[in-house]
Amino acid sequence: MKAVVTGGSGFIGSHLVDLLLADGHSVTVIDNHSTGRPENLDHVKGQVEIIEADIAVPGPWAKAFQNADRVFHLAALADIVPSIQNPEGYFKANVDGAFNVLQVARAAEIKRFVYAASSSCYGIPDFYPTPETAAIKP
């Protein structure tokens, strides 16, 4: 299986990359390193294709979706307070970025698309750890 992981240099994304590689899959990572760290993938250099690009901006990164079987979309900006301080940047990264990835995946006829969201959708939660059944209060 060929997989594309957006945000693959982040904490969760890099662990997903490790799991996919351990299962014998081919992996391409797309990350602009705004929050993810390139060194999170140092141990798999040569085993994965790493494309440094901003998914909020259409571009050549879309070619990575050709012949891919799965897309794991983890690229996003998280945290509530910074999103209030910089709504335009968060909108660009999280909404425009997700839209672009979905459009490219649709055009490439990707068979499976996995979207990972942030607990920020719960707002300031009433309980920790926050259960998935908690009310959505973005």
N, C-alpha and C. Protein backbone atom coordinates (compact mmCIF):
# COMPACT_ATOMS: atom_id res chain seq x y z
N MET A 1 0.85 -1.18 0.00
CA MET A 1 0.00 0.00 0.00
C MET A 1 0.89 1.24 0.00
N LYS A 2 0.48 2.23 -0.76
CA LYS A 2 1.15 3.53 -0.76
C LYS A 2 0.29 4.51 0.04
N ALA A 3 0.91 5.13 1.04
CA ALA A 3 0.20 6.07 1.91
C ALA A 3 0.83 7.44 1.85
N VAL A 4 -0.02 8.46 1.93
CA VAL A 4 0.41 9.84 2.07
C VAL A 4 -0.01 10.29 3.46
N VAL A 5 0.93 10.89 4.19
CA VAL A 5 0.63 11.40 5.53
C VAL A 5 0.91 12.89 5.54
N THR A 6 -0.15 13.70 5.64
CA THR A 6 0.06 15.14 5.81
C THR A 6 0.32 15.37 7.30
N GLY A 7 1.24 16.26 7.60
CA GLY A 7 1.60 16.49 9.00
C GLY A 7 2.43 15.35 9.57
N GLY A 8 3.11 14.62 8.71
CA GLY A 8 3.86 13.45 9.14
C GLY A 8 5.10 13.73 9.95
N SER A 9 5.50 14.99 10.07
CA SER A 9 6.66 15.33 10.90
C SER A 9 6.25 15.70 12.32
N GLY A 10 4.97 15.71 12.58
CA GLY A 10 4.48 16.01 13.93
C GLY A 10 4.60 14.80 14.84
N PHE A 11 4.26 14.98 16.09
CA PHE A 11 4.38 13.91 17.08
C PHE A 11 3.54 12.70 16.68
N ILE A 12 2.25 12.90 16.46
CA ILE A 12 1.37 11.79 16.10
C ILE A 12 1.69 11.30 14.69
N GLY A 13 1.89 12.22 13.77
CA GLY A 13 2.18 11.85 12.39
C GLY A 13 3.43 11.01 12.25
N SER A 14 4.49 11.36 12.97
CA SER A 14 5.73 10.59 12.86
C SER A 14 5.56 9.18 13.42
N HIS A 15 4.74 9.02 14.44
CA HIS A 15 4.47 7.68 14.97
C HIS A 15 3.62 6.88 14.00
N LEU A 16 2.70 7.54 13.32
CA LEU A 16 1.91 6.87 12.28
C LEU A 16 2.83 6.41 11.15
N VAL A 17 3.77 7.26 10.75
CA VAL A 17 4.74 6.89 9.71
C VAL A 17 5.51 5.64 10.14
N ASP A 18 5.96 5.60 11.39
CA ASP A 18 6.67 4.42 11.90
C ASP A 18 5.81 3.17 11.78
N LEU A 19 4.55 3.27 12.15
CA LEU A 19 3.64 2.12 12.09
C LEU A 19 3.43 1.66 10.65
N LEU A 20 3.21 2.61 9.75
CA LEU A 20 3.00 2.26 8.34
C LEU A 20 4.23 1.57 7.76
N LEU A 21 5.41 2.09 8.07
CA LEU A 21 6.65 1.47 7.58
C LEU A 21 6.82 0.07 8.17
N ALA A 22 6.54 -0.09 9.46
CA ALA A 22 6.66 -1.40 10.10
C ALA A 22 5.74 -2.42 9.47
N ASP A 23 4.61 -1.94 8.94
CA ASP A 23 3.65 -2.83 8.27
C ASP A 23 4.01 -3.03 6.80
N GLY A 24 5.13 -2.47 6.34
CA GLY A 24 5.62 -2.70 4.99
C GLY A 24 5.06 -1.78 3.92
N HIS A 25 4.48 -0.66 4.33
CA HIS A 25 3.87 0.25 3.37
C HIS A 25 4.86 1.31 2.88
N SER A 26 4.61 1.82 1.69
CA SER A 26 5.36 2.94 1.13
C SER A 26 4.73 4.22 1.65
N VAL A 27 5.57 5.17 2.11
CA VAL A 27 5.03 6.37 2.76
C VAL A 27 5.64 7.64 2.17
N THR A 28 4.75 8.60 1.90
CA THR A 28 5.16 9.96 1.54
C THR A 28 4.61 10.90 2.59
N VAL A 29 5.48 11.76 3.10
CA VAL A 29 5.08 12.74 4.12
C VAL A 29 5.04 14.12 3.46
N ILE A 30 3.97 14.86 3.73
CA ILE A 30 3.87 16.26 3.30
C ILE A 30 3.73 17.09 4.58
N ASP A 31 4.66 18.00 4.78
CA ASP A 31 4.66 18.80 6.01
C ASP A 31 5.39 20.11 5.74
N ASN A 32 4.86 21.20 6.26
CA ASN A 32 5.56 22.49 6.11
C ASN A 32 6.43 22.80 7.32
N HIS A 33 6.43 21.92 8.30
CA HIS A 33 7.25 22.03 9.50
C HIS A 33 6.93 23.28 10.33
N SER A 34 5.70 23.77 10.23
CA SER A 34 5.32 24.92 11.05
C SER A 34 5.17 24.50 12.51
N THR A 35 4.74 23.27 12.75
CA THR A 35 4.68 22.75 14.11
C THR A 35 5.39 21.41 14.22
N GLY A 36 5.39 20.63 13.16
CA GLY A 36 6.11 19.36 13.16
C GLY A 36 7.60 19.60 13.04
N ARG A 37 8.38 18.65 13.53
CA ARG A 37 9.83 18.79 13.52
C ARG A 37 10.45 17.78 12.56
N PRO A 38 11.27 18.25 11.63
CA PRO A 38 11.91 17.32 10.68
C PRO A 38 12.68 16.21 11.38
N GLU A 39 13.28 16.51 12.54
CA GLU A 39 14.07 15.50 13.24
C GLU A 39 13.23 14.33 13.75
N ASN A 40 11.90 14.50 13.79
CA ASN A 40 11.03 13.39 14.16
C ASN A 40 11.10 12.25 13.15
N LEU A 41 11.60 12.56 11.94
CA LEU A 41 11.70 11.55 10.89
C LEU A 41 13.15 11.21 10.54
N ASP A 42 14.09 11.73 11.30
CA ASP A 42 15.50 11.45 11.01
C ASP A 42 15.80 9.95 10.93
N HIS A 43 15.18 9.18 11.79
CA HIS A 43 15.46 7.74 11.86
C HIS A 43 14.89 6.95 10.68
N VAL A 44 14.05 7.59 9.85
CA VAL A 44 13.48 6.89 8.70
C VAL A 44 13.88 7.53 7.36
N LYS A 45 14.85 8.44 7.41
CA LYS A 45 15.31 9.05 6.16
C LYS A 45 15.79 7.95 5.23
N GLY A 46 15.45 8.10 3.96
CA GLY A 46 15.78 7.07 2.99
C GLY A 46 14.71 6.02 2.86
N GLN A 47 13.81 5.96 3.84
CA GLN A 47 12.70 5.00 3.78
C GLN A 47 11.39 5.67 3.38
N VAL A 48 11.33 6.99 3.53
CA VAL A 48 10.12 7.73 3.19
C VAL A 48 10.48 8.89 2.27
N GLU A 49 9.52 9.29 1.48
CA GLU A 49 9.67 10.52 0.70
C GLU A 49 9.12 11.65 1.57
N ILE A 50 9.88 12.71 1.73
CA ILE A 50 9.44 13.85 2.53
C ILE A 50 9.35 15.06 1.62
N ILE A 51 8.16 15.63 1.55
CA ILE A 51 7.91 16.82 0.74
C ILE A 51 7.62 17.97 1.69
N GLU A 52 8.47 18.99 1.67
CA GLU A 52 8.23 20.16 2.50
C GLU A 52 7.36 21.12 1.70
N ALA A 53 6.10 21.24 2.12
CA ALA A 53 5.15 22.07 1.39
C ALA A 53 3.99 22.45 2.30
N ASP A 54 3.32 23.54 1.94
CA ASP A 54 2.15 24.02 2.67
C ASP A 54 0.92 23.56 1.92
N ILE A 55 0.13 22.68 2.52
CA ILE A 55 -1.06 22.15 1.86
C ILE A 55 -2.14 23.21 1.64
N ALA A 56 -2.02 24.34 2.32
CA ALA A 56 -2.99 25.43 2.12
C ALA A 56 -2.76 26.13 0.79
N VAL A 57 -1.63 25.84 0.16
CA VAL A 57 -1.28 26.45 -1.13
C VAL A 57 -1.20 25.33 -2.16
N PRO A 58 -2.10 25.33 -3.15
CA PRO A 58 -2.01 24.30 -4.18
C PRO A 58 -0.63 24.31 -4.83
N GLY A 59 -0.13 23.12 -5.13
CA GLY A 59 1.20 23.06 -5.72
C GLY A 59 1.61 21.67 -6.10
N PRO A 60 2.89 21.51 -6.39
CA PRO A 60 3.38 20.22 -6.87
C PRO A 60 3.27 19.08 -5.86
N TRP A 61 3.03 19.40 -4.59
CA TRP A 61 2.84 18.35 -3.59
C TRP A 61 1.70 17.40 -3.96
N ALA A 62 0.78 17.89 -4.77
CA ALA A 62 -0.39 17.09 -5.16
C ALA A 62 0.02 15.84 -5.94
N LYS A 63 1.16 15.87 -6.61
CA LYS A 63 1.62 14.71 -7.38
C LYS A 63 1.83 13.49 -6.50
N ALA A 64 2.09 13.71 -5.22
CA ALA A 64 2.32 12.59 -4.30
C ALA A 64 1.08 11.71 -4.14
N PHE A 65 -0.08 12.23 -4.49
CA PHE A 65 -1.33 11.48 -4.33
C PHE A 65 -1.56 10.50 -5.48
N GLN A 66 -0.84 10.68 -6.57
CA GLN A 66 -0.99 9.78 -7.71
C GLN A 66 -0.56 8.38 -7.31
N ASN A 67 -1.39 7.43 -7.59
CA ASN A 67 -1.15 6.01 -7.27
C ASN A 67 -1.11 5.71 -5.78
N ALA A 68 -1.55 6.64 -4.94
CA ALA A 68 -1.64 6.37 -3.49
C ALA A 68 -2.94 5.63 -3.21
N ASP A 69 -2.91 4.80 -2.19
CA ASP A 69 -4.10 4.06 -1.78
C ASP A 69 -4.83 4.73 -0.62
N ARG A 70 -4.03 5.37 0.25
CA ARG A 70 -4.58 5.96 1.46
C ARG A 70 -3.97 7.33 1.70
N VAL A 71 -4.78 8.21 2.28
CA VAL A 71 -4.30 9.51 2.74
C VAL A 71 -4.68 9.62 4.21
N PHE A 72 -3.70 9.96 5.03
CA PHE A 72 -3.92 10.22 6.44
C PHE A 72 -3.67 11.72 6.63
N HIS A 73 -4.73 12.47 6.87
CA HIS A 73 -4.62 13.92 6.96
C HIS A 73 -4.54 14.35 8.41
N LEU A 74 -3.30 14.65 8.84
CA LEU A 74 -3.05 15.09 10.21
C LEU A 74 -2.56 16.52 10.28
N ALA A 75 -2.26 17.13 9.14
CA ALA A 75 -1.70 18.49 9.12
C ALA A 75 -2.75 19.50 9.60
N ALA A 76 -2.39 20.28 10.59
CA ALA A 76 -3.30 21.30 11.12
C ALA A 76 -2.58 22.13 12.17
N LEU A 77 -3.17 23.25 12.47
CA LEU A 77 -2.74 24.04 13.63
C LEU A 77 -3.75 23.79 14.74
N ALA A 78 -3.26 23.58 15.94
CA ALA A 78 -4.13 23.30 17.08
C ALA A 78 -3.99 24.38 18.13
N ASP A 79 -4.69 24.25 19.19
CA ASP A 79 -4.70 25.14 20.35
C ASP A 79 -5.73 26.27 20.17
N ILE A 80 -6.46 26.49 21.21
CA ILE A 80 -7.58 27.42 21.15
C ILE A 80 -7.13 28.88 21.18
N VAL A 81 -6.32 29.25 22.16
CA VAL A 81 -5.94 30.66 22.31
C VAL A 81 -5.23 31.20 21.06
N PRO A 82 -4.22 30.49 20.52
CA PRO A 82 -3.59 31.02 19.30
C PRO A 82 -4.56 31.15 18.13
N SER A 83 -5.57 30.29 18.07
CA SER A 83 -6.53 30.39 16.97
C SER A 83 -7.38 31.65 17.09
N ILE A 84 -7.58 32.12 18.31
CA ILE A 84 -8.32 33.38 18.53
C ILE A 84 -7.43 34.56 18.17
N GLN A 85 -6.15 34.43 18.47
CA GLN A 85 -5.19 35.49 18.17
C GLN A 85 -4.85 35.57 16.69
N ASN A 86 -4.94 34.46 15.97
CA ASN A 86 -4.57 34.41 14.56
C ASN A 86 -5.61 33.62 13.76
N PRO A 87 -6.86 34.10 13.72
CA PRO A 87 -7.90 33.32 13.05
C PRO A 87 -7.64 33.11 11.56
N GLU A 88 -7.06 34.09 10.90
CA GLU A 88 -6.81 33.94 9.45
C GLU A 88 -5.79 32.84 9.18
N GLY A 89 -4.72 32.80 9.95
CA GLY A 89 -3.71 31.76 9.78
C GLY A 89 -4.26 30.37 10.06
N TYR A 90 -5.09 30.25 11.10
CA TYR A 90 -5.69 28.97 11.44
C TYR A 90 -6.70 28.55 10.38
N PHE A 91 -7.47 29.51 9.86
CA PHE A 91 -8.43 29.19 8.80
C PHE A 91 -7.69 28.69 7.58
N LYS A 92 -6.64 29.39 7.21
CA LYS A 92 -5.86 29.00 6.02
C LYS A 92 -5.31 27.59 6.20
N ALA A 93 -4.67 27.32 7.32
CA ALA A 93 -4.07 26.01 7.54
C ALA A 93 -5.11 24.90 7.68
N ASN A 94 -6.13 25.13 8.48
CA ASN A 94 -7.06 24.06 8.83
C ASN A 94 -8.23 23.90 7.87
N VAL A 95 -8.73 24.98 7.33
CA VAL A 95 -9.87 24.88 6.42
C VAL A 95 -9.40 24.81 4.97
N ASP A 96 -8.63 25.81 4.55
CA ASP A 96 -8.13 25.78 3.16
C ASP A 96 -7.23 24.56 2.95
N GLY A 97 -6.39 24.24 3.92
CA GLY A 97 -5.51 23.08 3.79
C GLY A 97 -6.30 21.79 3.66
N ALA A 98 -7.27 21.59 4.53
CA ALA A 98 -8.09 20.37 4.45
C ALA A 98 -8.85 20.31 3.14
N PHE A 99 -9.39 21.45 2.71
CA PHE A 99 -10.12 21.49 1.44
C PHE A 99 -9.21 21.08 0.28
N ASN A 100 -7.99 21.63 0.25
CA ASN A 100 -7.06 21.30 -0.83
C ASN A 100 -6.71 19.81 -0.83
N VAL A 101 -6.46 19.27 0.35
CA VAL A 101 -6.11 17.85 0.45
C VAL A 101 -7.29 16.98 -0.01
N LEU A 102 -8.50 17.35 0.38
CA LEU A 102 -9.68 16.60 -0.06
C LEU A 102 -9.86 16.69 -1.57
N GLN A 103 -9.67 17.85 -2.14
CA GLN A 103 -9.81 18.01 -3.59
C GLN A 103 -8.79 17.16 -4.34
N VAL A 104 -7.55 17.19 -3.88
CA VAL A 104 -6.49 16.42 -4.53
C VAL A 104 -6.78 14.92 -4.37
N ALA A 105 -7.22 14.51 -3.19
CA ALA A 105 -7.55 13.10 -2.95
C ALA A 105 -8.69 12.65 -3.86
N ARG A 106 -9.68 13.49 -4.03
CA ARG A 106 -10.82 13.15 -4.89
C ARG A 106 -10.36 12.99 -6.34
N ALA A 107 -9.54 13.94 -6.80
CA ALA A 107 -9.04 13.89 -8.17
C ALA A 107 -8.17 12.65 -8.41
N ALA A 108 -7.44 12.23 -7.39
CA ALA A 108 -6.56 11.06 -7.50
C ALA A 108 -7.30 9.75 -7.24
N GLU A 109 -8.59 9.86 -6.93
CA GLU A 109 -9.43 8.70 -6.65
C GLU A 109 -8.86 7.84 -5.51
N ILE A 110 -8.50 8.52 -4.43
CA ILE A 110 -7.96 7.84 -3.26
C ILE A 110 -9.05 6.93 -2.68
N LYS A 111 -8.66 5.71 -2.35
CA LYS A 111 -9.63 4.72 -1.87
C LYS A 111 -10.06 4.94 -0.42
N ARG A 112 -9.15 5.46 0.41
CA ARG A 112 -9.47 5.67 1.82
C ARG A 112 -8.82 6.96 2.30
N PHE A 113 -9.60 7.81 2.96
CA PHE A 113 -9.13 9.08 3.48
C PHE A 113 -9.40 9.09 4.98
N VAL A 114 -8.37 9.27 5.78
CA VAL A 114 -8.51 9.30 7.23
C VAL A 114 -8.17 10.71 7.71
N TYR A 115 -9.11 11.31 8.43
CA TYR A 115 -8.93 12.67 8.95
C TYR A 115 -8.81 12.59 10.47
N ALA A 116 -7.76 13.18 11.00
CA ALA A 116 -7.58 13.23 12.45
C ALA A 116 -7.82 14.66 12.92
N ALA A 117 -8.66 14.80 13.92
CA ALA A 117 -9.00 16.12 14.43
C ALA A 117 -8.34 16.35 15.79
N SER A 118 -8.45 17.56 16.24
CA SER A 118 -7.88 17.96 17.52
C SER A 118 -8.95 17.98 18.59
N SER A 119 -8.52 17.80 19.81
CA SER A 119 -9.47 17.92 20.93
C SER A 119 -9.95 19.35 21.10
N SER A 120 -9.38 20.28 20.34
CA SER A 120 -9.82 21.68 20.41
C SER A 120 -11.29 21.83 20.02
N CYS A 121 -11.84 20.84 19.31
CA CYS A 121 -13.25 20.91 18.93
C CYS A 121 -14.17 20.91 20.15
N TYR A 122 -13.64 20.46 21.30
CA TYR A 122 -14.44 20.43 22.52
C TYR A 122 -14.38 21.74 23.29
N GLY A 123 -13.60 22.71 22.78
CA GLY A 123 -13.44 23.96 23.50
C GLY A 123 -12.67 23.70 24.78
N ILE A 124 -12.96 24.46 25.80
CA ILE A 124 -12.34 24.21 27.10
C ILE A 124 -13.19 23.14 27.78
N PRO A 125 -12.65 21.92 27.86
CA PRO A 125 -13.48 20.79 28.31
C PRO A 125 -13.82 20.84 29.79
N ASP A 126 -14.90 20.18 30.10
CA ASP A 126 -15.34 20.07 31.49
C ASP A 126 -14.61 18.94 32.22
N PHE A 127 -14.11 17.96 31.46
CA PHE A 127 -13.47 16.78 32.04
C PHE A 127 -12.15 16.47 31.33
N TYR A 128 -11.19 15.99 32.11
CA TYR A 128 -9.92 15.52 31.56
C TYR A 128 -9.71 14.08 32.03
N PRO A 129 -9.34 13.14 31.23
CA PRO A 129 -9.30 13.29 29.78
C PRO A 129 -10.71 13.45 29.23
N THR A 130 -10.80 14.15 28.13
CA THR A 130 -12.09 14.46 27.54
C THR A 130 -12.59 13.28 26.72
N PRO A 131 -13.78 12.76 27.04
CA PRO A 131 -14.30 11.63 26.28
C PRO A 131 -14.81 12.10 24.90
N GLU A 132 -14.81 11.21 23.94
CA GLU A 132 -15.28 11.57 22.60
C GLU A 132 -16.77 11.87 22.58
N THR A 133 -17.46 11.52 23.62
CA THR A 133 -18.90 11.80 23.71
C THR A 133 -19.18 13.20 24.25
N ALA A 134 -18.14 13.95 24.60
CA ALA A 134 -18.32 15.31 25.14
C ALA A 134 -18.97 16.21 24.09
N ALA A 135 -19.66 17.21 24.54
CA ALA A 135 -20.31 18.17 23.64
C ALA A 135 -19.25 18.94 22.84
N ILE A 136 -19.55 19.16 21.57
CA ILE A 136 -18.66 19.93 20.72
C ILE A 136 -18.91 21.41 20.98
N LYS A 137 -17.84 22.13 21.38
CA LYS A 137 -17.96 23.55 21.68
C LYS A 137 -16.76 24.31 21.09
N PRO A 138 -16.69 24.35 19.74
CA PRO A 138 -15.50 25.03 19.14
C PRO A 138 -15.49 26.51 19.43
